[in-house]
PDB file of N, CA and C in Angstrom:
ATOM      1  N   UNK A   1      82.388  93.676 100.858  1.00  0.00           N
ATOM      2  CA  UNK A   1      83.787  94.020 100.599  1.00  0.00           C
ATOM      3  C   UNK A   1      83.961  94.405  99.138  1.00  0.00           C
ATOM      4  N   UNK A   2      84.375  95.637  98.924  1.00  0.00           N
ATOM      5  CA  UNK A   2      84.606  96.112  97.565  1.00  0.00           C
ATOM      6  C   UNK A   2      85.955  95.602  97.072  1.00  0.00           C
ATOM      7  N   UNK A   3      85.972  95.136  95.846  1.00  0.00           N
ATOM      8  CA  UNK A   3      87.221  94.708  95.213  1.00  0.00           C
ATOM      9  C   UNK A   3      87.378  95.412  93.874  1.00  0.00           C
ATOM     10  N   UNK A   4      88.604  95.807  93.567  1.00  0.00           N
ATOM     11  CA  UNK A   4      88.908  96.480  92.307  1.00  0.00           C
ATOM     12  C   UNK A   4      90.025  95.722  91.606  1.00  0.00           C
ATOM     13  N   UNK A   5      89.941  95.647  90.290  1.00  0.00           N
ATOM     14  CA  UNK A   5      90.938  94.934  89.500  1.00  0.00           C
ATOM     15  C   UNK A   5      91.240  95.709  88.228  1.00  0.00           C
ATOM     16  N   UNK A   6      92.508  96.105  88.083  1.00  0.00           N
ATOM     17  CA  UNK A   6      92.935  96.808  86.869  1.00  0.00           C
ATOM     18  C   UNK A   6      93.241  95.804  85.759  1.00  0.00           C
ATOM     19  N   UNK A   7      93.030  96.224  84.530  1.00  0.00           N
ATOM     20  CA  UNK A   7      93.406  95.407  83.387  1.00  0.00           C
ATOM     21  C   UNK A   7      93.752  96.314  82.213  1.00  0.00           C
ATOM     22  N   UNK A   8      94.640  95.799  81.362  1.00  0.00           N
ATOM     23  CA  UNK A   8      95.054  96.564  80.199  1.00  0.00           C
ATOM     24  C   UNK A   8      96.450  96.189  79.761  1.00  0.00           C
ATOM     25  N   UNK A   9      96.905  96.759  78.651  1.00  0.00           N
ATOM     26  CA  UNK A   9      98.233  96.421  78.132  1.00  0.00           C
ATOM     27  C   UNK A   9      99.341  96.845  79.088  1.00  0.00           C
ATOM     28  N   UNK A  10     100.375  96.039  79.162  1.00  0.00           N
ATOM     29  CA  UNK A  10     101.513  96.364  79.999  1.00  0.00           C
ATOM     30  C   UNK A  10     102.580  97.170  79.264  1.00  0.00           C
ATOM     31  N   UNK A  11     102.455  97.249  77.947  1.00  0.00           N
ATOM     32  CA  UNK A  11     103.439  97.963  77.136  1.00  0.00           C
ATOM     33  C   UNK A  11     102.713  98.854  76.127  1.00  0.00           C
ATOM     34  N   UNK A  12     103.080 100.109  76.117  1.00  0.00           N
ATOM     35  CA  UNK A  12     102.491 101.079  75.200  1.00  0.00           C
ATOM     36  C   UNK A  12     103.617 101.841  74.511  1.00  0.00           C
ATOM     37  N   UNK A  13     103.462 102.102  73.235  1.00  0.00           N
ATOM     38  CA  UNK A  13     104.496 102.828  72.489  1.00  0.00           C
ATOM     39  C   UNK A  13     104.344 104.336  72.705  1.00  0.00           C
ATOM     40  N   UNK A  14     105.444 105.043  72.664  1.00  0.00           N
ATOM     41  CA  UNK A  14     105.373 106.511  72.777  1.00  0.00           C
ATOM     42  C   UNK A  14     104.430 107.102  71.740  1.00  0.00           C
ATOM     43  N   UNK A  15     103.727 108.132  72.155  1.00  0.00           N
ATOM     44  CA  UNK A  15     102.737 108.888  71.370  1.00  0.00           C
ATOM     45  C   UNK A  15     101.384 108.197  71.278  1.00  0.00           C
ATOM     46  N   UNK A  16     101.300 106.954  71.721  1.00  0.00           N
ATOM     47  CA  UNK A  16     100.027 106.256  71.677  1.00  0.00           C
ATOM     48  C   UNK A  16      99.190 106.585  72.916  1.00  0.00           C
ATOM     49  N   UNK A  17      97.992 106.008  72.974  1.00  0.00           N
ATOM     50  CA  UNK A  17      97.090 106.211  74.103  1.00  0.00           C
ATOM     51  C   UNK A  17      97.082 104.993  75.015  1.00  0.00           C
ATOM     52  N   UNK A  18      97.342 105.256  76.276  1.00  0.00           N
ATOM     53  CA  UNK A  18      97.273 104.223  77.309  1.00  0.00           C
ATOM     54  C   UNK A  18      95.810 104.060  77.713  1.00  0.00           C
ATOM     55  N   UNK A  19      95.336 102.827  77.779  1.00  0.00           N
ATOM     56  CA  UNK A  19      93.955 102.572  78.167  1.00  0.00           C
ATOM     57  C   UNK A  19      93.909 101.450  79.188  1.00  0.00           C
ATOM     58  N   UNK A  20      93.350 101.747  80.351  1.00  0.00           N
ATOM     59  CA  UNK A  20      93.221 100.774  81.428  1.00  0.00           C
ATOM     60  C   UNK A  20      91.783 100.738  81.922  1.00  0.00           C
ATOM     61  N   UNK A  21      91.348  99.559  82.321  1.00  0.00           N
ATOM     62  CA  UNK A  21      90.001  99.387  82.853  1.00  0.00           C
ATOM     63  C   UNK A  21      90.068  98.876  84.279  1.00  0.00           C
ATOM     64  N   UNK A  22      89.187  99.407  85.116  1.00  0.00           N
ATOM     65  CA  UNK A  22      89.053  98.946  86.491  1.00  0.00           C
ATOM     66  C   UNK A  22      87.685  98.301  86.651  1.00  0.00           C
ATOM     67  N   UNK A  23      87.683  97.025  87.005  1.00  0.00           N
ATOM     68  CA  UNK A  23      86.437  96.304  87.239  1.00  0.00           C
ATOM     69  C   UNK A  23      86.175  96.253  88.733  1.00  0.00           C
ATOM     70  N   UNK A  24      84.988  96.691  89.119  1.00  0.00           N
ATOM     71  CA  UNK A  24      84.625  96.777  90.529  1.00  0.00           C
ATOM     72  C   UNK A  24      83.621  95.677  90.874  1.00  0.00           C
ATOM     73  N   UNK A  25      83.843  95.010  91.981  1.00  0.00           N
ATOM     74  CA  UNK A  25      82.887  94.026  92.490  1.00  0.00           C
ATOM     75  C   UNK A  25      82.629  94.312  93.961  1.00  0.00           C
ATOM     76  N   UNK A  26      81.471  93.841  94.434  1.00  0.00           N
ATOM     77  CA  UNK A  26      81.125  94.050  95.838  1.00  0.00           C
ATOM     78  C   UNK A  26      80.539  95.415  96.116  1.00  0.00           C
ATOM     79  N   UNK A  27      80.298  96.193  95.076  1.00  0.00           N
ATOM     80  CA  UNK A  27      79.731  97.525  95.245  1.00  0.00           C
ATOM     81  C   UNK A  27      79.502  98.145  93.883  1.00  0.00           C
ATOM     82  N   UNK A  28      78.524  99.032  93.794  1.00  0.00           N
ATOM     83  CA  UNK A  28      78.207  99.658  92.519  1.00  0.00           C
ATOM     84  C   UNK A  28      78.909 100.998  92.368  1.00  0.00           C
ATOM     85  N   UNK A  29      79.430 101.249  91.163  1.00  0.00           N
ATOM     86  CA  UNK A  29      80.106 102.525  90.925  1.00  0.00           C
ATOM     87  C   UNK A  29      79.121 103.691  90.889  1.00  0.00           C
ATOM     88  N   UNK A  30      77.817 103.387  90.871  1.00  0.00           N
ATOM     89  CA  UNK A  30      76.820 104.455  90.844  1.00  0.00           C
ATOM     90  C   UNK A  30      76.208 104.725  92.221  1.00  0.00           C
ATOM     91  N   UNK A  31      76.713 104.036  93.243  1.00  0.00           N
ATOM     92  CA  UNK A  31      76.218 104.283  94.599  1.00  0.00           C
ATOM     93  C   UNK A  31      76.471 105.741  94.970  1.00  0.00           C
ATOM     94  N   UNK A  32      75.444 106.362  95.529  1.00  0.00           N
ATOM     95  CA  UNK A  32      75.548 107.778  95.868  1.00  0.00           C
ATOM     96  C   UNK A  32      76.785 108.094  96.698  1.00  0.00           C
ATOM     97  N   UNK A  33      77.497 109.150  96.241  1.00  0.00           N
ATOM     98  CA  UNK A  33      78.640 109.727  96.949  1.00  0.00           C
ATOM     99  C   UNK A  33      79.894 108.855  96.899  1.00  0.00           C
ATOM    100  N   UNK A  34      79.888 107.849  96.019  1.00  0.00           N
ATOM    101  CA  UNK A  34      81.113 107.095  95.798  1.00  0.00           C
ATOM    102  C   UNK A  34      81.900 107.750  94.662  1.00  0.00           C
ATOM    103  N   UNK A  35      83.210 107.865  94.882  1.00  0.00           N
ATOM    104  CA  UNK A  35      84.119 108.425  93.884  1.00  0.00           C
ATOM    105  C   UNK A  35      85.202 107.399  93.615  1.00  0.00           C
ATOM    106  N   UNK A  36      85.630 107.332  92.365  1.00  0.00           N
ATOM    107  CA  UNK A  36      86.556 106.282  91.926  1.00  0.00           C
ATOM    108  C   UNK A  36      87.734 106.932  91.204  1.00  0.00           C
ATOM    109  N   UNK A  37      88.906 106.648  91.718  1.00  0.00           N
ATOM    110  CA  UNK A  37      90.112 107.342  91.234  1.00  0.00           C
ATOM    111  C   UNK A  37      91.076 106.434  90.485  1.00  0.00           C
ATOM    112  N   UNK A  38      91.886 107.086  89.678  1.00  0.00           N
ATOM    113  CA  UNK A  38      93.095 106.482  89.099  1.00  0.00           C
ATOM    114  C   UNK A  38      94.298 107.192  89.716  1.00  0.00           C
ATOM    115  N   UNK A  39      95.287 106.402  90.078  1.00  0.00           N
ATOM    116  CA  UNK A  39      96.495 106.877  90.745  1.00  0.00           C
ATOM    117  C   UNK A  39      97.662 106.112  90.134  1.00  0.00           C
ATOM    118  N   UNK A  40      98.816 106.728  90.064  1.00  0.00           N
ATOM    119  CA  UNK A  40      99.974 106.017  89.534  1.00  0.00           C
ATOM    120  C   UNK A  40     101.200 106.276  90.388  1.00  0.00           C
ATOM    121  N   UNK A  41     102.178 105.394  90.249  1.00  0.00           N
ATOM    122  CA  UNK A  41     103.445 105.543  90.949  1.00  0.00           C
ATOM    123  C   UNK A  41     104.593 105.235  89.998  1.00  0.00           C
ATOM    124  N   UNK A  42     105.266 106.267  89.513  1.00  0.00           N
ATOM    125  CA  UNK A  42     106.443 106.039  88.658  1.00  0.00           C
ATOM    126  C   UNK A  42     107.553 105.388  89.466  1.00  0.00           C
ATOM    127  N   UNK A  43     108.469 104.720  88.797  1.00  0.00           N
ATOM    128  CA  UNK A  43     109.564 104.051  89.520  1.00  0.00           C
ATOM    129  C   UNK A  43     110.374 105.040  90.341  1.00  0.00           C
ATOM    130  N   UNK A  44     110.559 104.724  91.614  1.00  0.00           N
ATOM    131  CA  UNK A  44     111.359 105.552  92.504  1.00  0.00           C
ATOM    132  C   UNK A  44     110.700 106.833  92.961  1.00  0.00           C
ATOM    133  N   UNK A  45     109.403 107.002  92.650  1.00  0.00           N
ATOM    134  CA  UNK A  45     108.705 108.232  93.012  1.00  0.00           C
ATOM    135  C   UNK A  45     107.461 107.921  93.848  1.00  0.00           C
ATOM    136  N   UNK A  46     106.803 108.969  94.319  1.00  0.00           N
ATOM    137  CA  UNK A  46     105.617 108.800  95.127  1.00  0.00           C
ATOM    138  C   UNK A  46     104.361 108.626  94.298  1.00  0.00           C
ATOM    139  N   UNK A  47     103.249 108.472  95.005  1.00  0.00           N
ATOM    140  CA  UNK A  47     101.965 108.312  94.339  1.00  0.00           C
ATOM    141  C   UNK A  47     101.514 109.633  93.711  1.00  0.00           C
ATOM    142  N   UNK A  48     100.913 109.519  92.526  1.00  0.00           N
ATOM    143  CA  UNK A  48     100.393 110.684  91.820  1.00  0.00           C
ATOM    144  C   UNK A  48      98.927 110.430  91.459  1.00  0.00           C
ATOM    145  N   UNK A  49      98.055 111.275  91.944  1.00  0.00           N
ATOM    146  CA  UNK A  49      96.637 111.154  91.618  1.00  0.00           C
ATOM    147  C   UNK A  49      96.411 111.661  90.191  1.00  0.00           C
ATOM    148  N   UNK A  50      95.648 110.900  89.406  1.00  0.00           N
ATOM    149  CA  UNK A  50      95.398 111.242  88.004  1.00  0.00           C
ATOM    150  C   UNK A  50      94.029 111.894  87.837  1.00  0.00           C
ATOM    151  N   UNK A  51      93.018 111.339  88.485  1.00  0.00           N
ATOM    152  CA  UNK A  51      91.673 111.877  88.353  1.00  0.00           C
ATOM    153  C   UNK A  51      90.653 110.930  88.928  1.00  0.00           C
ATOM    154  N   UNK A  52      89.391 111.395  88.963  1.00  0.00           N
ATOM    155  CA  UNK A  52      88.334 110.518  89.436  1.00  0.00           C
ATOM    156  C   UNK A  52      87.074 110.670  88.591  1.00  0.00           C
ATOM    157  N   UNK A  53      86.216 109.658  88.723  1.00  0.00           N
ATOM    158  CA  UNK A  53      84.873 109.720  88.177  1.00  0.00           C
ATOM    159  C   UNK A  53      83.920 109.496  89.350  1.00  0.00           C
ATOM    160  N   UNK A  54      82.913 110.326  89.425  1.00  0.00           N
ATOM    161  CA  UNK A  54      81.981 110.271  90.546  1.00  0.00           C
ATOM    162  C   UNK A  54      80.822 109.327  90.248  1.00  0.00           C
ATOM    163  N   UNK A  55      80.053 109.045  91.292  1.00  0.00           N
ATOM    164  CA  UNK A  55      78.859 108.209  91.167  1.00  0.00           C
ATOM    165  C   UNK A  55      77.898 108.768  90.111  1.00  0.00           C
ATOM    166  N   UNK A  56      77.924 110.068  89.925  1.00  0.00           N
ATOM    167  CA  UNK A  56      77.043 110.739  88.975  1.00  0.00           C
ATOM    168  C   UNK A  56      77.565 110.678  87.538  1.00  0.00           C
ATOM    169  N   UNK A  57      78.821 110.290  87.397  1.00  0.00           N
ATOM    170  CA  UNK A  57      79.458 110.282  86.086  1.00  0.00           C
ATOM    171  C   UNK A  57      80.329 111.500  85.823  1.00  0.00           C
ATOM    172  N   UNK A  58      80.278 112.470  86.706  1.00  0.00           N
ATOM    173  CA  UNK A  58      81.132 113.641  86.533  1.00  0.00           C
ATOM    174  C   UNK A  58      82.583 113.262  86.798  1.00  0.00           C
ATOM    175  N   UNK A  59      83.475 114.015  86.204  1.00  0.00           N
ATOM    176  CA  UNK A  59      84.905 113.709  86.313  1.00  0.00           C
ATOM    177  C   UNK A  59      85.691 114.937  86.751  1.00  0.00           C
ATOM    178  N   UNK A  60      86.857 114.654  87.321  1.00  0.00           N
ATOM    179  CA  UNK A  60      87.779 115.731  87.695  1.00  0.00           C
ATOM    180  C   UNK A  60      89.188 115.191  87.560  1.00  0.00           C
ATOM    181  N   UNK A  61      90.058 115.992  86.942  1.00  0.00           N
ATOM    182  CA  UNK A  61      91.412 115.524  86.623  1.00  0.00           C
ATOM    183  C   UNK A  61      92.475 116.389  87.266  1.00  0.00           C
ATOM    184  N   UNK A  62      93.633 115.768  87.483  1.00  0.00           N
ATOM    185  CA  UNK A  62      94.790 116.523  87.921  1.00  0.00           C
ATOM    186  C   UNK A  62      95.116 117.587  86.882  1.00  0.00           C
ATOM    187  N   UNK A  63      95.331 118.819  87.314  1.00  0.00           N
ATOM    188  CA  UNK A  63      95.637 119.883  86.340  1.00  0.00           C
ATOM    189  C   UNK A  63      96.856 119.571  85.467  1.00  0.00           C
ATOM    190  N   UNK A  64      97.822 118.858  86.042  1.00  0.00           N
ATOM    191  CA  UNK A  64      99.040 118.573  85.285  1.00  0.00           C
ATOM    192  C   UNK A  64      98.823 117.534  84.193  1.00  0.00           C
ATOM    193  N   UNK A  65      97.759 116.760  84.285  1.00  0.00           N
ATOM    194  CA  UNK A  65      97.490 115.698  83.314  1.00  0.00           C
ATOM    195  C   UNK A  65      96.183 115.918  82.559  1.00  0.00           C
ATOM    196  N   UNK A  66      95.477 116.963  82.893  1.00  0.00           N
ATOM    197  CA  UNK A  66      94.114 117.162  82.396  1.00  0.00           C
ATOM    198  C   UNK A  66      94.017 117.143  80.878  1.00  0.00           C
ATOM    199  N   UNK A  67      94.998 117.740  80.213  1.00  0.00           N
ATOM    200  CA  UNK A  67      94.924 117.856  78.747  1.00  0.00           C
ATOM    201  C   UNK A  67      95.042 116.503  78.052  1.00  0.00           C
ATOM    202  N   UNK A  68      95.548 115.484  78.769  1.00  0.00           N
ATOM    203  CA  UNK A  68      95.770 114.178  78.142  1.00  0.00           C
ATOM    204  C   UNK A  68      94.890 113.077  78.725  1.00  0.00           C
ATOM    205  N   UNK A  69      94.057 113.413  79.695  1.00  0.00           N
ATOM    206  CA  UNK A  69      93.343 112.388  80.466  1.00  0.00           C
ATOM    207  C   UNK A  69      91.849 112.377  80.177  1.00  0.00           C
ATOM    208  N   UNK A  70      91.306 111.166  80.131  1.00  0.00           N
ATOM    209  CA  UNK A  70      89.860 110.983  80.062  1.00  0.00           C
ATOM    210  C   UNK A  70      89.486 109.762  80.895  1.00  0.00           C
ATOM    211  N   UNK A  71      88.512 109.918  81.772  1.00  0.00           N
ATOM    212  CA  UNK A  71      87.993 108.804  82.561  1.00  0.00           C
ATOM    213  C   UNK A  71      86.515 108.653  82.228  1.00  0.00           C
ATOM    214  N   UNK A  72      86.132 107.434  81.895  1.00  0.00           N
ATOM    215  CA  UNK A  72      84.751 107.132  81.535  1.00  0.00           C
ATOM    216  C   UNK A  72      84.302 105.888  82.280  1.00  0.00           C
ATOM    217  N   UNK A  73      83.051 105.504  82.077  1.00  0.00           N
ATOM    218  CA  UNK A  73      82.553 104.337  82.791  1.00  0.00           C
ATOM    219  C   UNK A  73      81.559 103.562  81.944  1.00  0.00           C
ATOM    220  N   UNK A  74      81.396 102.289  82.305  1.00  0.00           N
ATOM    221  CA  UNK A  74      80.374 101.420  81.738  1.00  0.00           C
ATOM    222  C   UNK A  74      79.591 100.867  82.924  1.00  0.00           C
ATOM    223  N   UNK A  75      78.450 101.463  83.189  1.00  0.00           N
ATOM    224  CA  UNK A  75      77.694 101.055  84.377  1.00  0.00           C
ATOM    225  C   UNK A  75      77.139  99.645  84.253  1.00  0.00           C
ATOM    226  N   UNK A  76      76.907  99.187  83.028  1.00  0.00           N
ATOM    227  CA  UNK A  76      76.377  97.834  82.841  1.00  0.00           C
ATOM    228  C   UNK A  76      77.398  96.771  83.243  1.00  0.00           C
ATOM    229  N   UNK A  77      78.683  97.141  83.159  1.00  0.00           N
ATOM    230  CA  UNK A  77      79.757  96.213  83.531  1.00  0.00           C
ATOM    231  C   UNK A  77      80.386  96.578  84.873  1.00  0.00           C
ATOM    232  N   UNK A  78      79.926  97.668  85.469  1.00  0.00           N
ATOM    233  CA  UNK A  78      80.496  98.156  86.723  1.00  0.00           C
ATOM    234  C   UNK A  78      82.002  98.384  86.589  1.00  0.00           C
ATOM    235  N   UNK A  79      82.367  99.070  85.517  1.00  0.00           N
ATOM    236  CA  UNK A  79      83.766  99.341  85.201  1.00  0.00           C
ATOM    237  C   UNK A  79      83.976 100.842  84.950  1.00  0.00           C
ATOM    238  N   UNK A  80      85.185 101.291  85.216  1.00  0.00           N
ATOM    239  CA  UNK A  80      85.568 102.621  84.776  1.00  0.00           C
ATOM    240  C   UNK A  80      86.946 102.540  84.122  1.00  0.00           C
ATOM    241  N   UNK A  81      87.165 103.441  83.173  1.00  0.00           N
ATOM    242  CA  UNK A  81      88.308 103.324  82.274  1.00  0.00           C
ATOM    243  C   UNK A  81      89.123 104.610  82.255  1.00  0.00           C
ATOM    244  N   UNK A  82      90.433 104.445  82.223  1.00  0.00           N
ATOM    245  CA  UNK A  82      91.374 105.565  82.080  1.00  0.00           C
ATOM    246  C   UNK A  82      91.944 105.552  80.678  1.00  0.00           C
ATOM    247  N   UNK A  83      91.962 106.708  80.045  1.00  0.00           N
ATOM    248  CA  UNK A  83      92.690 106.876  78.798  1.00  0.00           C
ATOM    249  C   UNK A  83      93.653 108.058  78.974  1.00  0.00           C
ATOM    250  N   UNK A  84      94.916 107.801  78.688  1.00  0.00           N
ATOM    251  CA  UNK A  84      95.955 108.825  78.775  1.00  0.00           C
ATOM    252  C   UNK A  84      96.630 108.896  77.412  1.00  0.00           C
ATOM    253  N   UNK A  85      96.493 110.013  76.761  1.00  0.00           N
ATOM    254  CA  UNK A  85      96.964 110.133  75.382  1.00  0.00           C
ATOM    255  C   UNK A  85      98.404 110.654  75.305  1.00  0.00           C
ATOM    256  N   UNK A  86      98.980 110.495  74.143  1.00  0.00           N
ATOM    257  CA  UNK A  86     100.315 111.030  73.831  1.00  0.00           C
ATOM    258  C   UNK A  86     101.337 110.674  74.897  1.00  0.00           C
ATOM    259  N   UNK A  87     101.399 109.401  75.237  1.00  0.00           N
ATOM    260  CA  UNK A  87     102.273 108.987  76.334  1.00  0.00           C
ATOM    261  C   UNK A  87     103.751 109.093  75.940  1.00  0.00           C
ATOM    262  N   UNK A  88     104.568 109.286  76.960  1.00  0.00           N
ATOM    263  CA  UNK A  88     106.019 109.307  76.834  1.00  0.00           C
ATOM    264  C   UNK A  88     106.579 108.341  77.872  1.00  0.00           C
ATOM    265  N   UNK A  89     107.879 108.064  77.818  1.00  0.00           N
ATOM    266  CA  UNK A  89     108.471 107.174  78.838  1.00  0.00           C
ATOM    267  C   UNK A  89     108.229 107.672  80.265  1.00  0.00           C
ATOM    268  N   UNK A  90     108.007 108.972  80.444  1.00  0.00           N
ATOM    269  CA  UNK A  90     107.721 109.512  81.781  1.00  0.00           C
ATOM    270  C   UNK A  90     106.372 109.049  82.327  1.00  0.00           C
ATOM    271  N   UNK A  91     105.553 108.464  81.496  1.00  0.00           N
ATOM    272  CA  UNK A  91     104.269 107.909  81.944  1.00  0.00           C
ATOM    273  C   UNK A  91     104.400 106.463  82.411  1.00  0.00           C
ATOM    274  N   UNK A  92     105.594 105.911  82.334  1.00  0.00           N
ATOM    275  CA  UNK A  92     105.832 104.571  82.863  1.00  0.00           C
ATOM    276  C   UNK A  92     105.599 104.567  84.366  1.00  0.00           C
ATOM    277  N   UNK A  93     104.758 103.643  84.829  1.00  0.00           N
ATOM    278  CA  UNK A  93     104.388 103.634  86.247  1.00  0.00           C
ATOM    279  C   UNK A  93     103.559 102.397  86.547  1.00  0.00           C
ATOM    280  N   UNK A  94     103.367 102.148  87.832  1.00  0.00           N
ATOM    281  CA  UNK A  94     102.329 101.223  88.265  1.00  0.00           C
ATOM    282  C   UNK A  94     101.049 102.045  88.408  1.00  0.00           C
ATOM    283  N   UNK A  95      99.998 101.606  87.749  1.00  0.00           N
ATOM    284  CA  UNK A  95      98.727 102.317  87.766  1.00  0.00           C
ATOM    285  C   UNK A  95      97.740 101.569  88.667  1.00  0.00           C
ATOM    286  N   UNK A  96      97.095 102.345  89.537  1.00  0.00           N
ATOM    287  CA  UNK A  96      96.122 101.791  90.466  1.00  0.00           C
ATOM    288  C   UNK A  96      94.747 102.436  90.257  1.00  0.00           C
ATOM    289  N   UNK A  97      93.706 101.655  90.482  1.00  0.00           N
ATOM    290  CA  UNK A  97      92.386 102.252  90.666  1.00  0.00           C
ATOM    291  C   UNK A  97      92.018 102.087  92.138  1.00  0.00           C
ATOM    292  N   UNK A  98      91.223 103.017  92.626  1.00  0.00           N
ATOM    293  CA  UNK A  98      90.902 103.022  94.047  1.00  0.00           C
ATOM    294  C   UNK A  98      89.554 103.691  94.281  1.00  0.00           C
ATOM    295  N   UNK A  99      88.944 103.354  95.392  1.00  0.00           N
ATOM    296  CA  UNK A  99      87.703 103.994  95.816  1.00  0.00           C
ATOM    297  C   UNK A  99      88.043 105.072  96.837  1.00  0.00           C
ATOM    298  N   UNK A 100      87.570 106.264  96.565  1.00  0.00           N
ATOM    299  CA  UNK A 100      87.833 107.358  97.496  1.00  0.00           C
ATOM    300  C   UNK A 100      87.082 107.165  98.803  1.00  0.00           C
ATOM    301  N   UNK A 101      87.722 107.641  99.883  1.00  0.00           N
ATOM    302  CA  UNK A 101      87.077 107.650 101.205  1.00  0.00           C
ATOM    303  C   UNK A 101      87.620 108.843 101.959  1.00  0.00           C
ATOM    304  N   UNK A 102      86.764 109.820 102.164  1.00  0.00           N
ATOM    305  CA  UNK A 102      87.238 111.042 102.790  1.00  0.00           C
ATOM    306  C   UNK A 102      88.332 111.657 101.944  1.00  0.00           C
ATOM    307  N   UNK A 103      89.435 111.966 102.587  1.00  0.00           N
ATOM    308  CA  UNK A 103      90.578 112.524 101.863  1.00  0.00           C
ATOM    309  C   UNK A 103      91.529 111.442 101.381  1.00  0.00           C
ATOM    310  N   UNK A 104      91.166 110.198 101.577  1.00  0.00           N
ATOM    311  CA  UNK A 104      92.032 109.099 101.166  1.00  0.00           C
ATOM    312  C   UNK A 104      91.270 108.065 100.363  1.00  0.00           C
ATOM    313  N   UNK A 105      91.689 106.824 100.525  1.00  0.00           N
ATOM    314  CA  UNK A 105      91.113 105.724  99.755  1.00  0.00           C
ATOM    315  C   UNK A 105      90.936 104.525 100.692  1.00  0.00           C
ATOM    316  N   UNK A 106      89.815 103.820 100.550  1.00  0.00           N
ATOM    317  CA  UNK A 106      89.615 102.669 101.423  1.00  0.00           C
ATOM    318  C   UNK A 106      89.777 101.345 100.709  1.00  0.00           C
ATOM    319  N   UNK A 107      89.686 101.350  99.400  1.00  0.00           N
ATOM    320  CA  UNK A 107      89.905 100.120  98.641  1.00  0.00           C
ATOM    321  C   UNK A 107      90.767 100.431  97.421  1.00  0.00           C
ATOM    322  N   UNK A 108      91.706  99.512  97.161  1.00  0.00           N
ATOM    323  CA  UNK A 108      92.643  99.672  96.057  1.00  0.00           C
ATOM    324  C   UNK A 108      92.654  98.412  95.206  1.00  0.00           C
ATOM    325  N   UNK A 109      92.929  98.588  93.924  1.00  0.00           N
ATOM    326  CA  UNK A 109      93.296  97.454  93.111  1.00  0.00           C
ATOM    327  C   UNK A 109      94.730  97.047  93.412  1.00  0.00           C
ATOM    328  N   UNK A 110      95.162  95.944  92.853  1.00  0.00           N
ATOM    329  CA  UNK A 110      96.524  95.458  93.118  1.00  0.00           C
ATOM    330  C   UNK A 110      97.571  96.241  92.347  1.00  0.00           C
ATOM    331  N   UNK A 111      97.134  96.988  91.347  1.00  0.00           N
ATOM    332  CA  UNK A 111      98.057  97.760  90.531  1.00  0.00           C
ATOM    333  C   UNK A 111      98.497  96.993  89.302  1.00  0.00           C
ATOM    334  N   UNK A 112      98.770  97.737  88.241  1.00  0.00           N
ATOM    335  CA  UNK A 112      99.251  97.118  87.012  1.00  0.00           C
ATOM    336  C   UNK A 112     100.395  97.954  86.444  1.00  0.00           C
ATOM    337  N   UNK A 113     101.469  97.285  86.075  1.00  0.00           N
ATOM    338  CA  UNK A 113     102.639  97.965  85.524  1.00  0.00           C
ATOM    339  C   UNK A 113     102.381  98.336  84.066  1.00  0.00           C
ATOM    340  N   UNK A 114     102.611  99.583  83.735  1.00  0.00           N
ATOM    341  CA  UNK A 114     102.553 100.034  82.352  1.00  0.00           C
ATOM    342  C   UNK A 114     103.897 100.654  81.991  1.00  0.00           C
ATOM    343  N   UNK A 115     104.502 100.141  80.954  1.00  0.00           N
ATOM    344  CA  UNK A 115     105.781 100.645  80.468  1.00  0.00           C
ATOM    345  C   UNK A 115     105.576 101.295  79.108  1.00  0.00           C
ATOM    346  N   UNK A 116     106.111 102.490  78.964  1.00  0.00           N
ATOM    347  CA  UNK A 116     106.043 103.195  77.682  1.00  0.00           C
ATOM    348  C   UNK A 116     107.407 103.087  77.021  1.00  0.00           C
ATOM    349  N   UNK A 117     107.448 102.369  75.925  1.00  0.00           N
ATOM    350  CA  UNK A 117     108.713 102.124  75.254  1.00  0.00           C
ATOM    351  C   UNK A 117     108.446 101.696  73.821  1.00  0.00           C
ATOM    352  N   UNK A 118     109.360 102.055  72.952  1.00  0.00           N
ATOM    353  CA  UNK A 118     109.242 101.616  71.561  1.00  0.00           C
ATOM    354  C   UNK A 118     109.888 100.252  71.365  1.00  0.00           C
TER     355      UNK A 118
END
C-alpha cells in the first residue's frame, strides 16, 4: 500500500517561493513507469493539476504554471518536492501529492493547506 504525506509551511508571504515536500512510503518513486503529481484546489474551485515528476526524473508542468514551477526529487529519502515561485493570494489552496494511474490517480496524500498572505 503506497502512502503519501505532504509537508511544508502553511503560510507563505506574497512574492516568496512556496515549497512543499511529499514523502512516499510503501513504494519507490523510481519504480518504472510510476509518475508522481502535485495537484491543488483553491477555495471554492476544482482541482488543478500542477505537474509531475516521472520515475526517470523527467518533469512536466501545467502550461499555466510552468514559468513558476519546479518539481525535484530526493531518491535517498523517497521524496519529491514542489517549488512555486512568486506566489500571490491566488495561489492559496489545499495542495496534494498523488501517484498517477492511467488518466487518474490511485493514491493521494491527505492534502495540506497553504495560505498566501502578508
